[in-house]
Amino acid sequence: MAEPIRVLIADDMSKKAVEILSGAGFAVDFKIGMKPEELAAVIGEYHGVGIRSASKITPATLANPGKLKIIGRAGVGVDNIDVKAATEKGILVINTPQGNAAAAAELAIGLMFALARKIPQASQSMRQGIWEKKKFMGAEIAGKTLGVVGLGNIGRQAAERGVGLKMNVIGFDPYPPKSLPAGVKAVSFDELCAQADFITLHVPLVPETKGLFGAATFAKMKKGSYLINCARGGVVDEASVLDALNSGQLAGVALDVFAKEPPEPSPLFAHENLIAIPHLGASTREAQEKVAIELAEVFVGFLKDGIVRNAVK
C-alpha cells in the first residue's frame, strides 16, 4: 500500500482546509502553537505544510526537509517564509491571494471613513459620558482624491470601491498591471503623494518597500492628508508617523499592521489622530474560510496531480 500524502496545518485556520484535504485522501494533522524547534523537528515528515502568520519558516526550519514538497500561506504576505531557502531545497511556496482580498480592501475603505469622520474618537468620547459634537468636525469623501499604492488583488478592489464612492482615484504600482479598473488613473509615485487626500497601501514587505513611507515621503504628501496601512507594518516608519501627526503634515493615520506585532508601547498610540487596530485585514468569517479552501485546493492539485498554482518566487 502506498504511503498516504501527509499534510500539517501548523496555524489556526478554518477546518474547511482539513475537510478538503481529508476528502482527497490525505492524512492531515492539525497542530497549532508549536515552537520553532518543534516545527523544525517534524516538518520533514510531511509532504505539505499550511501556515498563516504565527509560524515562521526559516532556513533552520528547513534544515531537514525530508518529504516536504510544498509550503502554503493562507493569506497574501509570505514575509514569514524564507522563500529563497525553500526554493533552494526544491520546495514550492504558495499563497492565497484571492481569499482575503475583499476583506482587506473593505477594511481600508472603512478606516478611510473612520479617519475622515473621526468615528473612533467620537465613540470613545461618548463612552466617557461626554457630548462633544463640535470637536469632531469631519471631512467628506466624495470628490476627494484617493491614492492607491499597489494595484494587485487588494489594491484593485480598494480602487474600485473608491470609484464607487465618487472619489478621484489614482494608483501607482512599480509593476503596472496591463489594465486598470474603470475610473482609475495610473500616476508616478511622486504624483500620487502630491495629489492624494487619502493614501492606502497595498504592497508586500520587500527591500524596496521597507520604510517606503517615512519622513521623506510624508514631506511629499499634501499637508493635512491621511494615510491608511493595511499591508505590512514595515512599509511605514512608525517613528516618522508620530512626527508627521504632531506637525500636522498628516491629519490622520490608520494602522492595521506594525513592524513588530504586537507592537511595543509608544507615544504614537496616544495621539488623538491615530487609529490603531490589531491586524484585522483578513479577520472576517468569509475571508478565513476562503483562504483555507484556496490553500487546500492548491495542495490537492499539486500533491495529487502536479498542478502548480499561486507559486511565490
C-alpha atoms as a PDB file:
ATOM      1  CA  MET A   1       0.000   0.000   0.000  1.00  0.00           C
ATOM      2  CA  ALA A   2       1.330   3.402  -0.992  1.00  0.00           C
ATOM      3  CA  GLU A   3       2.209   5.792   1.776  1.00  0.00           C
ATOM      4  CA  PRO A   4      -0.530   8.413   2.288  1.00  0.00           C
ATOM      5  CA  ILE A   5       0.191  12.035   1.492  1.00  0.00           C
ATOM      6  CA  ARG A   6       0.691  13.791   4.823  1.00  0.00           C
ATOM      7  CA  VAL A   7      -0.138  17.443   5.446  1.00  0.00           C
ATOM      8  CA  LEU A   8       0.452  19.515   8.568  1.00  0.00           C
ATOM      9  CA  ILE A   9      -1.722  22.523   9.388  1.00  0.00           C
ATOM     10  CA  ALA A  10       0.532  24.414  11.801  1.00  0.00           C
ATOM     11  CA  ASP A  11      -1.540  27.572  12.401  1.00  0.00           C
ATOM     12  CA  ASP A  12      -5.151  28.171  13.260  1.00  0.00           C
ATOM     13  CA  MET A  13      -7.379  28.281  10.183  1.00  0.00           C
ATOM     14  CA  SER A  14     -10.843  27.220   9.080  1.00  0.00           C
ATOM     15  CA  LYS A  15     -11.460  23.484   9.392  1.00  0.00           C
ATOM     16  CA  LYS A  16     -12.630  23.615   5.779  1.00  0.00           C
ATOM     17  CA  ALA A  17      -8.984  23.063   4.838  1.00  0.00           C
ATOM     18  CA  VAL A  18      -8.867  19.825   6.807  1.00  0.00           C
ATOM     19  CA  GLU A  19     -12.169  18.694   5.290  1.00  0.00           C
ATOM     20  CA  ILE A  20     -10.941  19.214   1.725  1.00  0.00           C
ATOM     21  CA  LEU A  21      -7.538  17.629   2.330  1.00  0.00           C
ATOM     22  CA  SER A  22      -9.032  14.648   4.159  1.00  0.00           C
ATOM     23  CA  GLY A  23     -11.623  14.264   1.427  1.00  0.00           C
ATOM     24  CA  ALA A  24      -8.794  13.954  -1.095  1.00  0.00           C
ATOM     25  CA  GLY A  25      -7.371  11.047   0.892  1.00  0.00           C
ATOM     26  CA  PHE A  26      -4.605  12.963   2.653  1.00  0.00           C
ATOM     27  CA  ALA A  27      -3.568  12.273   6.238  1.00  0.00           C
ATOM     28  CA  VAL A  28      -3.922  15.627   7.993  1.00  0.00           C
ATOM     29  CA  ASP A  29      -2.501  16.719  11.350  1.00  0.00           C
ATOM     30  CA  PHE A  30      -3.839  19.949  12.859  1.00  0.00           C
ATOM     31  CA  LYS A  31      -1.194  21.097  15.358  1.00  0.00           C
ATOM     32  CA  ILE A  32      -1.042  24.762  16.248  1.00  0.00           C
ATOM     33  CA  GLY A  33       1.217  26.623  18.641  1.00  0.00           C
ATOM     34  CA  MET A  34       4.362  24.604  18.019  1.00  0.00           C
ATOM     35  CA  LYS A  35       7.646  26.207  18.979  1.00  0.00           C
ATOM     36  CA  PRO A  36      10.139  26.796  16.122  1.00  0.00           C
ATOM     37  CA  GLU A  37      12.318  23.892  17.181  1.00  0.00           C
ATOM     38  CA  GLU A  38       9.289  21.595  17.403  1.00  0.00           C
ATOM     39  CA  LEU A  39       8.176  22.517  13.898  1.00  0.00           C
ATOM     40  CA  ALA A  40      11.703  22.018  12.561  1.00  0.00           C
ATOM     41  CA  ALA A  41      11.854  18.560  14.151  1.00  0.00           C
ATOM     42  CA  VAL A  42       8.698  17.255  12.424  1.00  0.00           C
ATOM     43  CA  ILE A  43       8.408  19.255   9.210  1.00  0.00           C
ATOM     44  CA  GLY A  44      10.274  16.639   7.161  1.00  0.00           C
ATOM     45  CA  GLU A  45       7.607  14.043   7.974  1.00  0.00           C
ATOM     46  CA  TYR A  46       5.050  15.902   5.851  1.00  0.00           C
ATOM     47  CA  HIS A  47       4.599  16.417   2.139  1.00  0.00           C
ATOM     48  CA  GLY A  48       2.881  19.758   2.710  1.00  0.00           C
ATOM     49  CA  VAL A  49       2.678  22.354   5.493  1.00  0.00           C
ATOM     50  CA  GLY A  50      -0.008  25.042   5.744  1.00  0.00           C
ATOM     51  CA  ILE A  51       0.505  28.133   7.911  1.00  0.00           C
ATOM     52  CA  ARG A  52      -0.889  31.609   8.476  1.00  0.00           C
ATOM     53  CA  SER A  53       1.154  34.365  10.146  1.00  0.00           C
ATOM     54  CA  ALA A  54       2.020  32.797  13.511  1.00  0.00           C
ATOM     55  CA  SER A  55       4.525  30.203  12.293  1.00  0.00           C
ATOM     56  CA  LYS A  56       7.806  31.199  10.696  1.00  0.00           C
ATOM     57  CA  ILE A  57       9.628  29.094   8.116  1.00  0.00           C
ATOM     58  CA  THR A  58      13.351  29.879   8.290  1.00  0.00           C
ATOM     59  CA  PRO A  59      16.444  28.130   6.938  1.00  0.00           C
ATOM     60  CA  ALA A  60      16.711  26.421  10.345  1.00  0.00           C
ATOM     61  CA  THR A  61      13.155  25.142   9.987  1.00  0.00           C
ATOM     62  CA  LEU A  62      14.111  23.569   6.666  1.00  0.00           C
ATOM     63  CA  ALA A  63      17.439  22.072   7.765  1.00  0.00           C
ATOM     64  CA  ASN A  64      15.961  18.573   7.380  1.00  0.00           C
ATOM     65  CA  PRO A  65      13.153  18.979   4.828  1.00  0.00           C
ATOM     66  CA  GLY A  66      12.642  15.255   4.313  1.00  0.00           C
ATOM     67  CA  LYS A  67       9.470  14.664   2.278  1.00  0.00           C
ATOM     68  CA  LEU A  68       8.381  18.295   2.194  1.00  0.00           C
ATOM     69  CA  LYS A  69       7.267  19.454  -1.245  1.00  0.00           C
ATOM     70  CA  ILE A  70       5.027  22.457  -0.620  1.00  0.00           C
ATOM     71  CA  ILE A  71       4.547  25.221   1.959  1.00  0.00           C
ATOM     72  CA  GLY A  72       1.320  27.190   1.801  1.00  0.00           C
ATOM     73  CA  ARG A  73       0.443  30.526   3.377  1.00  0.00           C
ATOM     74  CA  ALA A  74      -3.277  31.015   3.982  1.00  0.00           C
ATOM     75  CA  GLY A  75      -3.111  34.707   3.152  1.00  0.00           C
ATOM     76  CA  VAL A  76      -1.182  37.034   0.864  1.00  0.00           C
ATOM     77  CA  GLY A  77       2.051  38.038   2.590  1.00  0.00           C
ATOM     78  CA  VAL A  78       4.836  35.472   2.772  1.00  0.00           C
ATOM     79  CA  ASP A  79       7.359  37.512   4.768  1.00  0.00           C
ATOM     80  CA  ASN A  80       7.224  34.829   7.491  1.00  0.00           C
ATOM     81  CA  ILE A  81       8.546  32.266   4.981  1.00  0.00           C
ATOM     82  CA  ASP A  82      12.114  32.254   3.707  1.00  0.00           C
ATOM     83  CA  VAL A  83      11.125  31.663   0.099  1.00  0.00           C
ATOM     84  CA  LYS A  84      14.747  31.561  -1.093  1.00  0.00           C
ATOM     85  CA  ALA A  85      15.673  28.846   1.393  1.00  0.00           C
ATOM     86  CA  ALA A  86      12.614  26.804   0.453  1.00  0.00           C
ATOM     87  CA  THR A  87      13.269  27.158  -3.267  1.00  0.00           C
ATOM     88  CA  GLU A  88      16.858  26.063  -2.831  1.00  0.00           C
ATOM     89  CA  LYS A  89      15.545  22.886  -1.191  1.00  0.00           C
ATOM     90  CA  GLY A  90      13.183  22.283  -4.110  1.00  0.00           C
ATOM     91  CA  ILE A  91      10.109  23.164  -2.051  1.00  0.00           C
ATOM     92  CA  LEU A  92       7.245  25.103  -3.660  1.00  0.00           C
ATOM     93  CA  VAL A  93       5.889  28.106  -1.736  1.00  0.00           C
ATOM     94  CA  ILE A  94       2.343  29.257  -2.453  1.00  0.00           C
ATOM     95  CA  ASN A  95      -0.031  31.844  -1.049  1.00  0.00           C
ATOM     96  CA  THR A  96      -3.755  32.505  -1.403  1.00  0.00           C
ATOM     97  CA  PRO A  97      -4.036  35.961  -2.981  1.00  0.00           C
ATOM     98  CA  GLN A  98      -7.745  35.858  -3.748  1.00  0.00           C
ATOM     99  CA  GLY A  99      -9.230  34.685  -0.462  1.00  0.00           C
ATOM    100  CA  ASN A 100      -8.867  37.764   1.729  1.00  0.00           C
ATOM    101  CA  ALA A 101      -8.716  40.486  -0.931  1.00  0.00           C
ATOM    102  CA  ALA A 102     -12.266  41.746  -0.400  1.00  0.00           C
ATOM    103  CA  ALA A 103     -11.894  41.760   3.386  1.00  0.00           C
ATOM    104  CA  ALA A 104      -8.664  43.766   3.297  1.00  0.00           C
ATOM    105  CA  ALA A 105      -9.988  46.234   0.713  1.00  0.00           C
ATOM    106  CA  GLU A 106     -13.174  46.773   2.707  1.00  0.00           C
ATOM    107  CA  LEU A 107     -11.178  47.377   5.892  1.00  0.00           C
ATOM    108  CA  ALA A 108      -9.044  50.007   4.145  1.00  0.00           C
ATOM    109  CA  ILE A 109     -12.152  51.832   2.978  1.00  0.00           C
ATOM    110  CA  GLY A 110     -13.711  51.502   6.425  1.00  0.00           C
ATOM    111  CA  LEU A 111     -10.628  53.052   8.004  1.00  0.00           C
ATOM    112  CA  MET A 112     -10.761  55.872   5.467  1.00  0.00           C
ATOM    113  CA  PHE A 113     -14.287  56.727   6.644  1.00  0.00           C
ATOM    114  CA  ALA A 114     -13.218  56.379  10.280  1.00  0.00           C
ATOM    115  CA  LEU A 115     -10.378  58.847   9.732  1.00  0.00           C
ATOM    116  CA  ALA A 116     -12.455  61.322   7.772  1.00  0.00           C
ATOM    117  CA  ARG A 117     -15.297  61.425  10.299  1.00  0.00           C
ATOM    118  CA  LYS A 118     -13.286  60.778  13.494  1.00  0.00           C
ATOM    119  CA  ILE A 119     -15.611  57.907  14.324  1.00  0.00           C
ATOM    120  CA  PRO A 120     -13.457  56.056  16.910  1.00  0.00           C
ATOM    121  CA  GLN A 121     -12.627  59.269  18.774  1.00  0.00           C
ATOM    122  CA  ALA A 122     -16.248  60.371  18.888  1.00  0.00           C
ATOM    123  CA  SER A 123     -17.349  56.942  20.086  1.00  0.00           C
ATOM    124  CA  GLN A 124     -14.734  56.932  22.850  1.00  0.00           C
ATOM    125  CA  SER A 125     -15.846  60.397  23.945  1.00  0.00           C
ATOM    126  CA  MET A 126     -19.442  59.190  24.212  1.00  0.00           C
ATOM    127  CA  ARG A 127     -18.319  56.167  26.236  1.00  0.00           C
ATOM    128  CA  GLN A 128     -16.793  58.626  28.699  1.00  0.00           C
ATOM    129  CA  GLY A 129     -20.149  60.385  29.002  1.00  0.00           C
ATOM    130  CA  ILE A 130     -19.058  63.483  27.060  1.00  0.00           C
ATOM    131  CA  TRP A 131     -21.085  65.171  24.303  1.00  0.00           C
ATOM    132  CA  GLU A 132     -18.532  66.930  22.063  1.00  0.00           C
ATOM    133  CA  LYS A 133     -20.341  67.498  18.784  1.00  0.00           C
ATOM    134  CA  LYS A 134     -18.277  70.492  17.675  1.00  0.00           C
ATOM    135  CA  LYS A 135     -14.950  68.808  18.422  1.00  0.00           C
ATOM    136  CA  PHE A 136     -15.388  66.073  15.834  1.00  0.00           C
ATOM    137  CA  MET A 137     -15.851  68.070  12.650  1.00  0.00           C
ATOM    138  CA  GLY A 138     -15.013  65.748   9.761  1.00  0.00           C
ATOM    139  CA  ALA A 139     -14.449  65.739   6.017  1.00  0.00           C
ATOM    140  CA  GLU A 140     -16.465  64.295   3.146  1.00  0.00           C
ATOM    141  CA  ILE A 141     -15.093  61.520   0.957  1.00  0.00           C
ATOM    142  CA  ALA A 142     -16.858  62.298  -2.323  1.00  0.00           C
ATOM    143  CA  GLY A 143     -14.770  64.446  -4.642  1.00  0.00           C
ATOM    144  CA  LYS A 144     -11.551  63.787  -2.751  1.00  0.00           C
ATOM    145  CA  THR A 145      -8.559  62.030  -4.321  1.00  0.00           C
ATOM    146  CA  LEU A 146      -7.751  58.504  -3.232  1.00  0.00           C
ATOM    147  CA  GLY A 147      -4.221  57.287  -3.952  1.00  0.00           C
ATOM    148  CA  VAL A 148      -3.748  53.515  -4.054  1.00  0.00           C
ATOM    149  CA  VAL A 149      -0.168  52.284  -3.721  1.00  0.00           C
ATOM    150  CA  GLY A 150      -0.008  48.753  -5.077  1.00  0.00           C
ATOM    151  CA  LEU A 151      -2.518  47.592  -7.676  1.00  0.00           C
ATOM    152  CA  GLY A 152      -2.611  43.861  -7.038  1.00  0.00           C
ATOM    153  CA  ASN A 153      -5.710  41.960  -5.969  1.00  0.00           C
ATOM    154  CA  ILE A 154      -6.388  44.022  -2.853  1.00  0.00           C
ATOM    155  CA  GLY A 155      -5.338  47.392  -4.244  1.00  0.00           C
ATOM    156  CA  ARG A 156      -7.553  46.981  -7.302  1.00  0.00           C
ATOM    157  CA  GLN A 157     -10.554  46.233  -5.124  1.00  0.00           C
ATOM    158  CA  ALA A 158      -9.837  49.234  -2.902  1.00  0.00           C
ATOM    159  CA  ALA A 159      -9.567  51.407  -6.032  1.00  0.00           C
ATOM    160  CA  GLU A 160     -12.876  50.106  -7.396  1.00  0.00           C
ATOM    161  CA  ARG A 161     -14.601  50.922  -4.134  1.00  0.00           C
ATOM    162  CA  GLY A 162     -13.127  54.418  -4.218  1.00  0.00           C
ATOM    163  CA  VAL A 163     -14.589  54.955  -7.688  1.00  0.00           C
ATOM    164  CA  GLY A 164     -17.950  53.804  -6.381  1.00  0.00           C
ATOM    165  CA  LEU A 165     -17.724  56.423  -3.637  1.00  0.00           C
ATOM    166  CA  LYS A 166     -17.339  59.135  -6.297  1.00  0.00           C
ATOM    167  CA  MET A 167     -13.703  59.793  -5.447  1.00  0.00           C
ATOM    168  CA  ASN A 168     -10.970  60.696  -7.908  1.00  0.00           C
ATOM    169  CA  VAL A 169      -8.860  57.536  -7.822  1.00  0.00           C
ATOM    170  CA  ILE A 170      -5.199  57.402  -8.810  1.00  0.00           C
ATOM    171  CA  GLY A 171      -2.843  54.473  -8.460  1.00  0.00           C
ATOM    172  CA  PHE A 172       0.835  53.594  -8.504  1.00  0.00           C
ATOM    173  CA  ASP A 173       2.482  50.225  -8.920  1.00  0.00           C
ATOM    174  CA  PRO A 174       6.165  49.618  -9.759  1.00  0.00           C
ATOM    175  CA  TYR A 175       4.956  46.767 -11.970  1.00  0.00           C
ATOM    176  CA  PRO A 176       1.934  48.338 -13.676  1.00  0.00           C
ATOM    177  CA  PRO A 177      -0.883  45.908 -14.489  1.00  0.00           C
ATOM    178  CA  LYS A 178      -1.957  45.529 -18.102  1.00  0.00           C
ATOM    179  CA  SER A 179      -5.297  47.128 -17.313  1.00  0.00           C
ATOM    180  CA  LEU A 180      -6.778  49.248 -14.557  1.00  0.00           C
ATOM    181  CA  PRO A 181     -10.295  49.311 -13.133  1.00  0.00           C
ATOM    182  CA  ALA A 182     -12.580  51.785 -14.849  1.00  0.00           C
ATOM    183  CA  GLY A 183     -12.131  55.272 -13.438  1.00  0.00           C
ATOM    184  CA  VAL A 184      -8.633  54.664 -12.050  1.00  0.00           C
ATOM    185  CA  LYS A 185      -5.691  56.664 -13.418  1.00  0.00           C
ATOM    186  CA  ALA A 186      -2.078  55.462 -13.213  1.00  0.00           C
ATOM    187  CA  VAL A 187       0.427  58.062 -11.986  1.00  0.00           C
ATOM    188  CA  SER A 188       4.011  58.162 -10.717  1.00  0.00           C
ATOM    189  CA  PHE A 189       4.742  57.679  -7.033  1.00  0.00           C
ATOM    190  CA  ASP A 190       5.591  61.343  -6.504  1.00  0.00           C
ATOM    191  CA  GLU A 191       2.454  62.455  -8.347  1.00  0.00           C
ATOM    192  CA  LEU A 192       0.332  60.217  -6.156  1.00  0.00           C
ATOM    193  CA  CYS A 193       1.874  61.598  -2.976  1.00  0.00           C
ATOM    194  CA  ALA A 194       1.382  65.188  -4.121  1.00  0.00           C
ATOM    195  CA  GLN A 195      -2.229  64.780  -5.277  1.00  0.00           C
ATOM    196  CA  ALA A 196      -3.906  62.345  -2.899  1.00  0.00           C
ATOM    197  CA  ASP A 197      -6.061  63.383   0.036  1.00  0.00           C
ATOM    198  CA  PHE A 198      -6.107  59.773   1.241  1.00  0.00           C
ATOM    199  CA  ILE A 199      -3.396  57.189   0.547  1.00  0.00           C
ATOM    200  CA  THR A 200      -3.995  53.490   1.114  1.00  0.00           C
ATOM    201  CA  LEU A 201      -1.124  50.993   0.962  1.00  0.00           C
ATOM    202  CA  HIS A 202      -1.390  47.527  -0.592  1.00  0.00           C
ATOM    203  CA  VAL A 203       2.185  46.403  -1.241  1.00  0.00           C
ATOM    204  CA  PRO A 204       4.259  43.493   0.100  1.00  0.00           C
ATOM    205  CA  LEU A 205       7.129  43.990   2.505  1.00  0.00           C
ATOM    206  CA  VAL A 206      10.249  43.624   0.357  1.00  0.00           C
ATOM    207  CA  PRO A 207      13.559  45.518   0.466  1.00  0.00           C
ATOM    208  CA  GLU A 208      12.184  48.111  -1.982  1.00  0.00           C
ATOM    209  CA  THR A 209       9.148  48.894   0.192  1.00  0.00           C
ATOM    210  CA  LYS A 210      10.676  48.714   3.667  1.00  0.00           C
ATOM    211  CA  GLY A 211      10.288  52.149   5.237  1.00  0.00           C
ATOM    212  CA  LEU A 212       8.842  53.494   1.977  1.00  0.00           C
ATOM    213  CA  PHE A 213       6.506  55.766   3.916  1.00  0.00           C
ATOM    214  CA  GLY A 214       8.735  57.720   6.255  1.00  0.00           C
ATOM    215  CA  ALA A 215       9.759  61.331   6.758  1.00  0.00           C
ATOM    216  CA  ALA A 216      10.910  61.899   3.162  1.00  0.00           C
ATOM    217  CA  THR A 217       7.674  60.569   1.678  1.00  0.00           C
ATOM    218  CA  PHE A 218       5.460  62.352   4.201  1.00  0.00           C
ATOM    219  CA  ALA A 219       7.116  65.614   3.126  1.00  0.00           C
ATOM    220  CA  LYS A 220       5.949  64.918  -0.451  1.00  0.00           C
ATOM    221  CA  MET A 221       2.338  64.376   0.612  1.00  0.00           C
ATOM    222  CA  LYS A 222      -0.333  67.057   0.749  1.00  0.00           C
ATOM    223  CA  LYS A 223      -0.391  68.815   4.089  1.00  0.00           C
ATOM    224  CA  GLY A 224      -3.372  67.536   6.032  1.00  0.00           C
ATOM    225  CA  SER A 225      -3.692  64.296   4.077  1.00  0.00           C
ATOM    226  CA  TYR A 226      -4.458  60.863   5.512  1.00  0.00           C
ATOM    227  CA  LEU A 227      -2.588  57.542   5.410  1.00  0.00           C
ATOM    228  CA  ILE A 228      -4.031  54.031   5.730  1.00  0.00           C
ATOM    229  CA  ASN A 229      -1.850  50.928   6.022  1.00  0.00           C
ATOM    230  CA  CYS A 230      -3.471  47.501   5.835  1.00  0.00           C
ATOM    231  CA  ALA A 231      -0.479  45.960   4.032  1.00  0.00           C
ATOM    232  CA  ARG A 232       2.637  45.237   6.104  1.00  0.00           C
ATOM    233  CA  GLY A 233       3.948  47.153   9.105  1.00  0.00           C
ATOM    234  CA  GLY A 234       7.498  47.598   7.885  1.00  0.00           C
ATOM    235  CA  VAL A 235       6.311  49.618   4.892  1.00  0.00           C
ATOM    236  CA  VAL A 236       5.652  52.553   7.239  1.00  0.00           C
ATOM    237  CA  ASP A 237       8.232  54.079   9.589  1.00  0.00           C
ATOM    238  CA  GLU A 238       6.210  54.407  12.784  1.00  0.00           C
ATOM    239  CA  ALA A 239       8.516  56.956  14.465  1.00  0.00           C
ATOM    240  CA  SER A 240       8.079  59.269  11.473  1.00  0.00           C
ATOM    241  CA  VAL A 241       4.299  58.858  11.688  1.00  0.00           C
ATOM    242  CA  LEU A 242       4.274  60.446  15.124  1.00  0.00           C
ATOM    243  CA  ASP A 243       6.342  63.396  13.896  1.00  0.00           C
ATOM    244  CA  ALA A 244       4.059  63.876  10.879  1.00  0.00           C
ATOM    245  CA  LEU A 245       0.955  63.824  13.063  1.00  0.00           C
ATOM    246  CA  ASN A 246       2.460  66.242  15.584  1.00  0.00           C
ATOM    247  CA  SER A 247       3.410  68.689  12.821  1.00  0.00           C
ATOM    248  CA  GLY A 248       0.030  68.447  11.099  1.00  0.00           C
ATOM    249  CA  GLN A 249       1.614  67.214   7.874  1.00  0.00           C
ATOM    250  CA  LEU A 250      -0.685  64.228   8.250  1.00  0.00           C
ATOM    251  CA  ALA A 251      -4.197  64.883   9.537  1.00  0.00           C
ATOM    252  CA  GLY A 252      -4.758  61.276  10.452  1.00  0.00           C
ATOM    253  CA  VAL A 253      -3.234  57.824  10.162  1.00  0.00           C
ATOM    254  CA  ALA A 254      -4.848  54.393  10.405  1.00  0.00           C
ATOM    255  CA  LEU A 255      -2.590  51.403  11.018  1.00  0.00           C
ATOM    256  CA  ASP A 256      -3.750  47.803  10.926  1.00  0.00           C
ATOM    257  CA  VAL A 257      -0.206  46.403  10.800  1.00  0.00           C
ATOM    258  CA  PHE A 258       3.045  47.122  12.617  1.00  0.00           C
ATOM    259  CA  ALA A 259       6.755  46.460  12.232  1.00  0.00           C
ATOM    260  CA  LYS A 260       6.571  44.310  15.349  1.00  0.00           C
ATOM    261  CA  GLU A 261       3.346  42.558  16.268  1.00  0.00           C
ATOM    262  CA  PRO A 262       2.120  43.105  18.856  1.00  0.00           C
ATOM    263  CA  PRO A 263       3.894  46.485  18.932  1.00  0.00           C
ATOM    264  CA  GLU A 264       5.797  47.882  21.883  1.00  0.00           C
ATOM    265  CA  PRO A 265       4.118  50.683  23.888  1.00  0.00           C
ATOM    266  CA  SER A 266       4.742  54.014  22.185  1.00  0.00           C
ATOM    267  CA  PRO A 267       3.617  57.662  22.424  1.00  0.00           C
ATOM    268  CA  LEU A 268       2.252  57.136  18.902  1.00  0.00           C
ATOM    269  CA  PHE A 269      -0.690  55.189  20.271  1.00  0.00           C
ATOM    270  CA  ALA A 270      -1.729  58.087  22.472  1.00  0.00           C
ATOM    271  CA  HIS A 271      -2.061  60.502  19.551  1.00  0.00           C
ATOM    272  CA  GLU A 272      -5.656  61.571  19.052  1.00  0.00           C
ATOM    273  CA  ASN A 273      -5.420  61.376  15.256  1.00  0.00           C
ATOM    274  CA  LEU A 274      -4.140  57.809  15.119  1.00  0.00           C
ATOM    275  CA  ILE A 275      -6.406  54.803  14.649  1.00  0.00           C
ATOM    276  CA  ALA A 276      -4.654  51.556  15.536  1.00  0.00           C
ATOM    277  CA  ILE A 277      -6.198  48.100  15.226  1.00  0.00           C
ATOM    278  CA  PRO A 278      -4.645  44.618  15.696  1.00  0.00           C
ATOM    279  CA  HIS A 279      -4.023  43.287  12.149  1.00  0.00           C
ATOM    280  CA  LEU A 280      -7.658  42.714  11.213  1.00  0.00           C
ATOM    281  CA  GLY A 281      -7.261  42.829   7.413  1.00  0.00           C
ATOM    282  CA  ALA A 282      -8.344  39.224   6.881  1.00  0.00           C
ATOM    283  CA  SER A 283     -10.407  38.908  10.044  1.00  0.00           C
ATOM    284  CA  THR A 284     -13.793  38.128   8.591  1.00  0.00           C
ATOM    285  CA  ARG A 285     -15.530  34.768   8.730  1.00  0.00           C
ATOM    286  CA  GLU A 286     -15.792  34.790   4.961  1.00  0.00           C
ATOM    287  CA  ALA A 287     -12.112  35.534   4.356  1.00  0.00           C
ATOM    288  CA  GLN A 288     -10.924  32.922   6.852  1.00  0.00           C
ATOM    289  CA  GLU A 289     -12.945  30.272   5.079  1.00  0.00           C
ATOM    290  CA  LYS A 290     -11.908  31.402   1.591  1.00  0.00           C
ATOM    291  CA  VAL A 291      -8.153  31.328   2.283  1.00  0.00           C
ATOM    292  CA  ALA A 292      -8.381  27.902   3.923  1.00  0.00           C
ATOM    293  CA  ILE A 293     -10.328  26.495   0.981  1.00  0.00           C
ATOM    294  CA  GLU A 294      -7.951  28.047  -1.543  1.00  0.00           C
ATOM    295  CA  LEU A 295      -4.889  26.669   0.268  1.00  0.00           C
ATOM    296  CA  ALA A 296      -6.363  23.171   0.469  1.00  0.00           C
ATOM    297  CA  GLU A 297      -7.379  23.146  -3.188  1.00  0.00           C
ATOM    298  CA  VAL A 298      -3.885  24.231  -4.283  1.00  0.00           C
ATOM    299  CA  PHE A 299      -2.346  21.495  -2.120  1.00  0.00           C
ATOM    300  CA  VAL A 300      -4.616  18.838  -3.616  1.00  0.00           C
ATOM    301  CA  GLY A 301      -3.886  19.954  -7.167  1.00  0.00           C
ATOM    302  CA  PHE A 302      -0.134  19.982  -6.603  1.00  0.00           C
ATOM    303  CA  LEU A 303       0.353  16.883  -4.427  1.00  0.00           C
ATOM    304  CA  LYS A 304      -2.035  14.679  -6.424  1.00  0.00           C
ATOM    305  CA  ASP A 305      -1.693  15.979  -9.974  1.00  0.00           C
ATOM    306  CA  GLY A 306       1.404  18.180 -10.048  1.00  0.00           C
ATOM    307  CA  ILE A 307      -0.611  21.297 -10.881  1.00  0.00           C
ATOM    308  CA  VAL A 308       1.153  24.486  -9.743  1.00  0.00           C
ATOM    309  CA  ARG A 309      -0.972  27.489  -8.732  1.00  0.00           C
ATOM    310  CA  ASN A 310      -0.179  30.646  -6.769  1.00  0.00           C
ATOM    311  CA  ALA A 311       3.570  29.986  -6.746  1.00  0.00           C
ATOM    312  CA  VAL A 312       5.668  32.591  -4.928  1.00  0.00           C
ATOM    313  CA  LYS A 313       9.199  33.237  -6.181  1.00  0.00           C
END
